[in-house]
C-alpha cells in the first residue's frame, strides 16, 4: 500500500470515529427542526431535559407561548436550515452508557456550538440536556413555571 493511501485511510477512520450512534440521535433534531417541542418526541428525552420540556408543554396547552425558544438545537439563533445542515459537524465522546455530542454549525449570528448530553437506555440514546457552548444557557436550567 502506498503511504498516501495509508494516510488517507487513517484520516478517514479518525473522522468516522468522531461520529456514531449517539450523534445519529442528535442529528435527527437538526433534520427535523422543532422536533424537541412535540409531544411525540418526549420518549427521546430523560430528566432533567424531559422535565423541562413537559413543563413547557403544559404552558403551551394552556394557550400561552411557552418558556422555551423553538430554536434550542440551533443555539437559540436565527438560522438557515440548509446552511446549518451543510456546515453541521458532530463529534461524540462515549463513557459507557453516557455520551456527549458536540454540534458545531453556522447560523446567521456566526459559528454556534451546542453540547448534547445523552444516556443509553436499553438500546436507545436519549437526551438528558442541551448546553450552549457559545451562549449562556442550558435546557436543564430553564425555569418553566
N, C-alpha and C. Protein backbone atom coordinates (compact mmCIF):
# COMPACT_ATOMS: atom_id res chain seq x y z
N UNK A 1 0.85 -1.18 0.00
CA UNK A 1 0.00 0.00 0.00
C UNK A 1 0.89 1.23 0.00
N UNK A 2 0.53 2.21 -0.83
CA UNK A 2 1.31 3.44 -0.90
C UNK A 2 1.11 4.23 0.39
N UNK A 3 2.12 5.00 0.81
CA UNK A 3 1.99 5.78 2.05
C UNK A 3 0.82 6.76 2.02
N UNK A 4 0.56 7.38 0.85
CA UNK A 4 -0.54 8.33 0.77
C UNK A 4 -1.88 7.64 1.02
N UNK A 5 -2.05 6.42 0.50
CA UNK A 5 -3.29 5.68 0.68
C UNK A 5 -3.46 5.30 2.15
N UNK A 6 -2.36 4.91 2.81
CA UNK A 6 -2.43 4.55 4.23
C UNK A 6 -2.83 5.76 5.06
N UNK A 7 -2.28 6.92 4.74
CA UNK A 7 -2.62 8.15 5.47
C UNK A 7 -4.09 8.50 5.24
N UNK A 8 -4.57 8.36 4.00
CA UNK A 8 -5.97 8.66 3.69
C UNK A 8 -6.91 7.75 4.47
N UNK A 9 -6.57 6.46 4.55
CA UNK A 9 -7.40 5.51 5.29
C UNK A 9 -7.39 5.85 6.78
N UNK A 10 -6.23 6.20 7.30
CA UNK A 10 -6.12 6.57 8.71
C UNK A 10 -6.94 7.82 9.02
N UNK A 11 -6.87 8.83 8.15
CA UNK A 11 -7.63 10.05 8.36
C UNK A 11 -9.13 9.80 8.25
N UNK A 12 -9.54 8.97 7.31
CA UNK A 12 -10.95 8.63 7.16
C UNK A 12 -11.46 7.93 8.42
N UNK A 13 -10.68 7.01 8.93
CA UNK A 13 -11.06 6.31 10.16
C UNK A 13 -11.18 7.26 11.33
N UNK A 14 -10.29 8.23 11.45
CA UNK A 14 -10.36 9.21 12.54
C UNK A 14 -11.60 10.07 12.42
N UNK A 15 -11.96 10.46 11.21
CA UNK A 15 -13.16 11.28 11.02
C UNK A 15 -14.41 10.49 11.39
N UNK A 16 -14.45 9.21 11.01
CA UNK A 16 -15.61 8.39 11.33
C UNK A 16 -15.72 8.14 12.83
N UNK A 17 -14.60 8.11 13.54
CA UNK A 17 -14.63 7.87 14.98
C UNK A 17 -15.26 9.03 15.73
N UNK A 18 -15.34 10.20 15.13
CA UNK A 18 -15.90 11.36 15.80
C UNK A 18 -17.41 11.32 15.85
N UNK A 19 -18.03 10.58 14.98
CA UNK A 19 -19.49 10.49 14.96
C UNK A 19 -19.89 9.03 15.13
N UNK A 20 -21.07 8.80 15.62
CA UNK A 20 -21.52 7.44 15.84
C UNK A 20 -22.98 7.41 16.23
N UNK A 21 -23.41 6.36 16.92
CA UNK A 21 -24.82 6.19 17.26
C UNK A 21 -25.42 7.33 18.07
N UNK A 22 -24.70 7.87 19.03
CA UNK A 22 -25.22 8.99 19.81
C UNK A 22 -25.37 10.22 18.90
N UNK A 23 -24.44 10.40 17.99
CA UNK A 23 -24.51 11.52 17.04
C UNK A 23 -25.73 11.37 16.14
N UNK A 24 -26.05 10.15 15.77
CA UNK A 24 -27.24 9.92 14.94
C UNK A 24 -28.50 10.37 15.66
N UNK A 25 -28.56 10.14 16.98
CA UNK A 25 -29.71 10.58 17.76
C UNK A 25 -29.83 12.10 17.76
N UNK A 26 -28.70 12.79 17.79
CA UNK A 26 -28.68 14.26 17.79
C UNK A 26 -29.02 14.80 16.41
N UNK A 27 -28.47 14.20 15.38
CA UNK A 27 -28.69 14.67 14.00
C UNK A 27 -30.18 14.80 13.68
N UNK A 28 -30.97 13.91 14.22
CA UNK A 28 -32.41 13.90 13.99
C UNK A 28 -33.04 15.27 14.32
N UNK A 29 -32.57 15.93 15.36
CA UNK A 29 -33.13 17.22 15.78
C UNK A 29 -32.76 18.35 14.82
N UNK A 30 -31.68 18.18 14.08
CA UNK A 30 -31.30 19.19 13.08
C UNK A 30 -32.04 18.94 11.77
N UNK A 31 -32.33 17.69 11.49
CA UNK A 31 -33.04 17.36 10.26
C UNK A 31 -34.54 17.65 10.38
N UNK A 32 -35.06 17.70 11.61
CA UNK A 32 -36.49 17.95 11.85
C UNK A 32 -36.64 19.08 12.87
N UNK A 33 -36.42 20.32 12.45
CA UNK A 33 -36.50 21.45 13.39
C UNK A 33 -37.83 21.47 14.14
N UNK A 34 -37.73 21.72 15.45
CA UNK A 34 -38.92 21.79 16.30
C UNK A 34 -39.33 20.45 16.88
N UNK A 35 -38.66 19.38 16.50
CA UNK A 35 -39.00 18.05 16.97
C UNK A 35 -39.02 17.98 18.49
N UNK A 36 -38.06 18.63 19.13
CA UNK A 36 -37.96 18.55 20.60
C UNK A 36 -39.19 19.11 21.31
N UNK A 37 -39.96 19.96 20.65
CA UNK A 37 -41.13 20.57 21.27
C UNK A 37 -42.42 19.78 21.04
N UNK A 38 -42.33 18.69 20.30
CA UNK A 38 -43.53 17.90 20.02
C UNK A 38 -43.73 16.82 21.07
N UNK A 39 -44.96 16.58 21.48
CA UNK A 39 -45.23 15.52 22.45
C UNK A 39 -44.77 14.14 21.96
N UNK A 40 -44.80 13.92 20.65
CA UNK A 40 -44.39 12.63 20.09
C UNK A 40 -42.91 12.35 20.34
N UNK A 41 -42.12 13.38 20.58
CA UNK A 41 -40.68 13.21 20.79
C UNK A 41 -40.30 13.07 22.26
N UNK A 42 -41.27 13.12 23.14
CA UNK A 42 -40.95 13.10 24.57
C UNK A 42 -40.18 11.84 24.95
N UNK A 43 -40.41 10.73 24.26
CA UNK A 43 -39.70 9.48 24.57
C UNK A 43 -38.23 9.52 24.16
N UNK A 44 -37.80 10.59 23.49
CA UNK A 44 -36.40 10.74 23.11
C UNK A 44 -35.59 11.44 24.20
N UNK A 45 -36.24 11.80 25.30
CA UNK A 45 -35.62 12.56 26.37
C UNK A 45 -35.74 11.85 27.72
N UNK A 46 -34.81 12.16 28.61
CA UNK A 46 -34.89 11.75 30.01
C UNK A 46 -34.64 13.00 30.84
N UNK A 47 -34.91 12.91 32.13
CA UNK A 47 -34.67 14.05 33.02
C UNK A 47 -33.18 14.37 33.10
N UNK A 48 -32.85 15.64 33.23
CA UNK A 48 -33.70 16.78 33.51
C UNK A 48 -34.35 17.43 32.27
N UNK A 49 -33.87 17.13 31.07
CA UNK A 49 -34.43 17.75 29.87
C UNK A 49 -35.91 17.44 29.71
N UNK A 50 -36.29 16.21 29.95
CA UNK A 50 -37.69 15.80 29.78
C UNK A 50 -38.61 16.59 30.72
N UNK A 51 -38.18 16.78 31.94
CA UNK A 51 -38.98 17.53 32.91
C UNK A 51 -39.24 18.95 32.42
N UNK A 52 -38.23 19.62 31.90
CA UNK A 52 -38.39 20.99 31.41
C UNK A 52 -39.29 21.02 30.18
N UNK A 53 -39.12 20.06 29.28
CA UNK A 53 -39.97 20.00 28.09
C UNK A 53 -41.43 19.75 28.45
N UNK A 54 -41.67 18.92 29.45
CA UNK A 54 -43.04 18.67 29.89
C UNK A 54 -43.66 19.93 30.51
N UNK A 55 -42.87 20.69 31.26
CA UNK A 55 -43.38 21.95 31.82
C UNK A 55 -43.74 22.92 30.71
N UNK A 56 -42.89 23.02 29.70
CA UNK A 56 -43.15 23.89 28.55
C UNK A 56 -44.43 23.44 27.83
N UNK A 57 -44.58 22.14 27.68
CA UNK A 57 -45.76 21.58 27.01
C UNK A 57 -47.05 21.95 27.76
N UNK A 58 -47.01 21.89 29.08
CA UNK A 58 -48.18 22.26 29.89
C UNK A 58 -48.54 23.73 29.70
N UNK A 59 -47.55 24.59 29.63
CA UNK A 59 -47.79 26.02 29.41
C UNK A 59 -48.44 26.23 28.05
N UNK A 60 -47.95 25.55 27.03
CA UNK A 60 -48.50 25.68 25.67
C UNK A 60 -49.94 25.16 25.60
N UNK A 61 -50.22 24.09 26.34
CA UNK A 61 -51.59 23.56 26.36
C UNK A 61 -52.56 24.58 26.92
N UNK A 62 -52.08 25.44 27.81
CA UNK A 62 -52.91 26.49 28.39
C UNK A 62 -53.10 27.68 27.47
N UNK A 63 -52.54 27.63 26.27
CA UNK A 63 -52.73 28.70 25.30
C UNK A 63 -51.65 29.76 25.32
N UNK A 64 -50.67 29.62 26.20
CA UNK A 64 -49.58 30.59 26.24
C UNK A 64 -48.47 30.16 25.30
N UNK A 65 -47.49 31.05 25.14
CA UNK A 65 -46.40 30.83 24.20
C UNK A 65 -45.42 29.76 24.64
N UNK A 66 -45.30 29.50 25.91
CA UNK A 66 -44.32 28.53 26.40
C UNK A 66 -43.08 29.25 26.91
N UNK A 67 -42.19 28.48 27.49
CA UNK A 67 -41.00 29.09 28.09
C UNK A 67 -39.72 28.80 27.32
N UNK A 68 -39.82 27.98 26.27
CA UNK A 68 -38.63 27.60 25.51
C UNK A 68 -38.65 28.18 24.11
N UNK A 69 -37.50 28.56 23.65
CA UNK A 69 -37.35 29.02 22.28
C UNK A 69 -37.42 27.83 21.36
N UNK A 70 -38.12 27.94 20.24
CA UNK A 70 -38.20 26.79 19.33
C UNK A 70 -36.91 26.51 18.58
N UNK A 71 -35.86 27.27 18.82
CA UNK A 71 -34.60 27.06 18.11
C UNK A 71 -33.48 26.60 19.04
N UNK A 72 -33.81 25.87 20.10
CA UNK A 72 -32.79 25.42 21.04
C UNK A 72 -31.67 24.62 20.38
N UNK A 73 -31.96 23.62 19.55
CA UNK A 73 -30.86 22.89 18.92
C UNK A 73 -29.96 23.79 18.07
N UNK A 74 -30.52 24.93 17.64
CA UNK A 74 -29.79 25.86 16.78
C UNK A 74 -29.18 26.99 17.59
N UNK A 75 -28.96 26.74 18.88
CA UNK A 75 -28.33 27.68 19.81
C UNK A 75 -29.15 28.95 19.98
N UNK A 76 -30.48 28.81 19.89
CA UNK A 76 -31.37 29.95 20.09
C UNK A 76 -30.99 31.10 19.16
N UNK A 77 -30.67 30.78 17.91
CA UNK A 77 -30.22 31.78 16.94
C UNK A 77 -31.08 31.74 15.69
N UNK A 78 -31.08 32.83 14.94
CA UNK A 78 -31.70 32.82 13.62
C UNK A 78 -30.82 31.95 12.73
N UNK A 79 -31.43 31.13 11.91
CA UNK A 79 -30.64 30.21 11.11
C UNK A 79 -31.33 29.92 9.79
N UNK A 80 -30.52 29.49 8.85
CA UNK A 80 -30.99 28.98 7.58
C UNK A 80 -30.72 27.48 7.63
N UNK A 81 -31.76 26.67 7.54
CA UNK A 81 -31.62 25.23 7.72
C UNK A 81 -30.62 24.62 6.75
N UNK A 82 -30.65 25.03 5.49
CA UNK A 82 -29.71 24.47 4.50
C UNK A 82 -28.27 24.79 4.91
N UNK A 83 -28.05 25.99 5.41
CA UNK A 83 -26.70 26.38 5.85
C UNK A 83 -26.26 25.57 7.06
N UNK A 84 -27.18 25.40 8.03
CA UNK A 84 -26.84 24.61 9.21
C UNK A 84 -26.48 23.19 8.80
N UNK A 85 -27.33 22.57 7.99
CA UNK A 85 -27.09 21.19 7.60
C UNK A 85 -25.81 21.03 6.79
N UNK A 86 -25.47 22.02 5.97
CA UNK A 86 -24.25 21.90 5.17
C UNK A 86 -22.99 22.14 5.99
N UNK A 87 -23.12 22.80 7.14
CA UNK A 87 -21.95 23.08 7.98
C UNK A 87 -21.92 22.24 9.25
N UNK A 88 -22.95 21.45 9.49
CA UNK A 88 -23.08 20.68 10.73
C UNK A 88 -21.94 19.67 10.88
N UNK A 89 -21.26 19.75 12.01
CA UNK A 89 -20.20 18.80 12.36
C UNK A 89 -20.55 18.26 13.73
N UNK A 90 -20.66 16.94 13.83
CA UNK A 90 -20.96 16.30 15.10
C UNK A 90 -19.77 15.48 15.55
N UNK A 91 -19.44 15.61 16.82
CA UNK A 91 -18.40 14.76 17.40
C UNK A 91 -18.93 14.22 18.72
N UNK A 92 -18.53 13.02 19.05
CA UNK A 92 -19.05 12.44 20.28
C UNK A 92 -17.94 11.82 21.11
N UNK A 93 -18.18 11.86 22.41
CA UNK A 93 -17.30 11.21 23.37
C UNK A 93 -18.18 10.27 24.19
N UNK A 94 -17.80 9.00 24.22
CA UNK A 94 -18.59 8.00 24.92
C UNK A 94 -17.90 7.61 26.23
N UNK A 95 -18.72 7.37 27.25
CA UNK A 95 -18.24 6.87 28.52
C UNK A 95 -19.28 5.88 29.02
N UNK A 96 -19.17 4.64 28.59
CA UNK A 96 -20.15 3.62 28.95
C UNK A 96 -21.50 3.93 28.35
N UNK A 97 -22.52 4.11 29.22
CA UNK A 97 -23.87 4.39 28.73
C UNK A 97 -24.15 5.89 28.64
N UNK A 98 -23.10 6.69 28.70
CA UNK A 98 -23.25 8.14 28.60
C UNK A 98 -22.45 8.66 27.40
N UNK A 99 -22.98 9.72 26.81
CA UNK A 99 -22.30 10.32 25.66
C UNK A 99 -22.46 11.83 25.71
N UNK A 100 -21.46 12.51 25.18
CA UNK A 100 -21.54 13.94 24.95
C UNK A 100 -21.30 14.14 23.47
N UNK A 101 -22.29 14.73 22.81
CA UNK A 101 -22.19 15.01 21.38
C UNK A 101 -22.13 16.52 21.23
N UNK A 102 -21.10 17.00 20.57
CA UNK A 102 -20.99 18.43 20.31
C UNK A 102 -21.36 18.68 18.86
N UNK A 103 -22.33 19.61 18.68
CA UNK A 103 -22.78 20.00 17.35
C UNK A 103 -22.23 21.39 17.06
N UNK A 104 -21.47 21.51 16.02
CA UNK A 104 -20.95 22.80 15.56
C UNK A 104 -21.53 23.10 14.20
N UNK A 105 -21.95 24.37 13.98
CA UNK A 105 -22.58 24.73 12.71
C UNK A 105 -22.60 26.25 12.59
N UNK A 106 -22.97 26.71 11.40
CA UNK A 106 -23.04 28.15 11.12
C UNK A 106 -24.49 28.62 11.16
N UNK A 107 -24.73 29.75 11.85
CA UNK A 107 -26.04 30.41 11.88
C UNK A 107 -25.87 31.82 11.35
N UNK A 108 -26.96 32.57 11.33
CA UNK A 108 -26.88 33.97 10.90
C UNK A 108 -26.02 34.80 11.84
N UNK A 109 -25.83 34.30 13.07
CA UNK A 109 -25.04 35.01 14.08
C UNK A 109 -23.58 34.58 14.11
N UNK A 110 -23.20 33.58 13.31
CA UNK A 110 -21.83 33.08 13.30
C UNK A 110 -21.78 31.61 13.66
N UNK A 111 -20.63 31.18 14.13
CA UNK A 111 -20.45 29.79 14.49
C UNK A 111 -21.11 29.50 15.83
N UNK A 112 -21.85 28.42 15.90
CA UNK A 112 -22.53 28.01 17.13
C UNK A 112 -22.07 26.62 17.51
N UNK A 113 -22.09 26.36 18.82
CA UNK A 113 -21.74 25.03 19.34
C UNK A 113 -22.72 24.68 20.46
N UNK A 114 -23.36 23.54 20.30
CA UNK A 114 -24.30 23.06 21.30
C UNK A 114 -23.85 21.67 21.75
N UNK A 115 -23.75 21.51 23.06
CA UNK A 115 -23.37 20.22 23.63
C UNK A 115 -24.65 19.47 24.02
N UNK A 116 -24.75 18.25 23.56
CA UNK A 116 -25.88 17.38 23.87
C UNK A 116 -25.38 16.30 24.80
N UNK A 117 -26.03 16.13 25.94
CA UNK A 117 -25.69 15.05 26.86
C UNK A 117 -26.75 13.97 26.72
N UNK A 118 -26.28 12.75 26.53
CA UNK A 118 -27.17 11.63 26.29
C UNK A 118 -26.85 10.46 27.20
N UNK A 119 -27.84 9.62 27.37
CA UNK A 119 -27.65 8.38 28.13
C UNK A 119 -28.33 7.26 27.37
N UNK A 120 -27.67 6.13 27.31
CA UNK A 120 -28.23 4.98 26.61
C UNK A 120 -29.15 4.23 27.55
N UNK A 121 -30.41 4.16 27.17
CA UNK A 121 -31.42 3.43 27.92
C UNK A 121 -31.85 2.26 27.06
N UNK A 122 -31.51 1.06 27.49
CA UNK A 122 -31.72 -0.11 26.63
C UNK A 122 -30.78 0.03 25.44
N UNK A 123 -31.33 0.08 24.27
CA UNK A 123 -30.52 0.22 23.06
C UNK A 123 -30.67 1.61 22.43
N UNK A 124 -31.31 2.54 23.15
CA UNK A 124 -31.64 3.85 22.58
C UNK A 124 -30.92 4.97 23.32
N UNK A 125 -30.31 5.89 22.56
CA UNK A 125 -29.70 7.09 23.14
C UNK A 125 -30.80 8.12 23.38
N UNK A 126 -30.87 8.62 24.62
CA UNK A 126 -31.87 9.62 24.98
C UNK A 126 -31.18 10.86 25.51
N UNK A 127 -31.73 12.02 25.20
CA UNK A 127 -31.14 13.30 25.56
C UNK A 127 -31.48 13.65 27.00
N UNK A 128 -30.46 13.98 27.78
CA UNK A 128 -30.68 14.42 29.15
C UNK A 128 -30.49 15.93 29.31
N UNK A 129 -29.75 16.56 28.40
CA UNK A 129 -29.56 18.01 28.49
C UNK A 129 -28.97 18.56 27.20
N UNK A 130 -29.22 19.83 26.96
CA UNK A 130 -28.60 20.60 25.88
C UNK A 130 -27.94 21.80 26.54
N UNK A 131 -26.70 22.08 26.16
CA UNK A 131 -25.96 23.18 26.77
C UNK A 131 -25.29 23.97 25.66
N UNK A 132 -25.54 25.27 25.63
CA UNK A 132 -24.88 26.11 24.64
C UNK A 132 -23.43 26.32 25.06
N UNK A 133 -22.53 26.18 24.11
CA UNK A 133 -21.13 26.48 24.36
C UNK A 133 -20.76 27.87 23.85
N UNK A 134 -21.71 28.54 23.20
CA UNK A 134 -21.44 29.89 22.69
C UNK A 134 -22.31 30.94 23.35
N UNK A 135 -23.35 30.51 24.05
CA UNK A 135 -24.22 31.43 24.78
C UNK A 135 -24.37 30.90 26.20
N UNK A 136 -25.06 31.62 27.03
CA UNK A 136 -25.14 31.25 28.44
C UNK A 136 -26.50 30.63 28.76
N UNK A 137 -26.69 29.35 28.38
CA UNK A 137 -27.93 28.66 28.73
C UNK A 137 -27.72 27.15 28.71
N UNK A 138 -28.58 26.49 29.46
CA UNK A 138 -28.67 25.01 29.46
C UNK A 138 -30.16 24.69 29.60
N UNK A 139 -30.63 23.73 28.85
CA UNK A 139 -32.04 23.35 28.92
C UNK A 139 -32.43 23.01 30.35
N UNK A 140 -31.58 22.28 31.06
CA UNK A 140 -31.90 21.86 32.43
C UNK A 140 -32.06 23.03 33.39
N UNK A 141 -31.59 24.21 33.01
CA UNK A 141 -31.65 25.36 33.90
C UNK A 141 -32.85 26.28 33.63
N UNK A 142 -33.63 25.97 32.59
CA UNK A 142 -34.81 26.80 32.31
C UNK A 142 -35.83 26.64 33.43
N UNK A 143 -36.43 27.76 33.79
CA UNK A 143 -37.45 27.76 34.84
C UNK A 143 -38.81 27.97 34.17
N UNK A 144 -39.51 26.89 33.92
CA UNK A 144 -40.78 26.94 33.21
C UNK A 144 -41.93 26.82 34.19
N UNK A 145 -42.14 27.82 34.98
CA UNK A 145 -43.24 27.76 35.96
C UNK A 145 -44.23 28.84 35.70
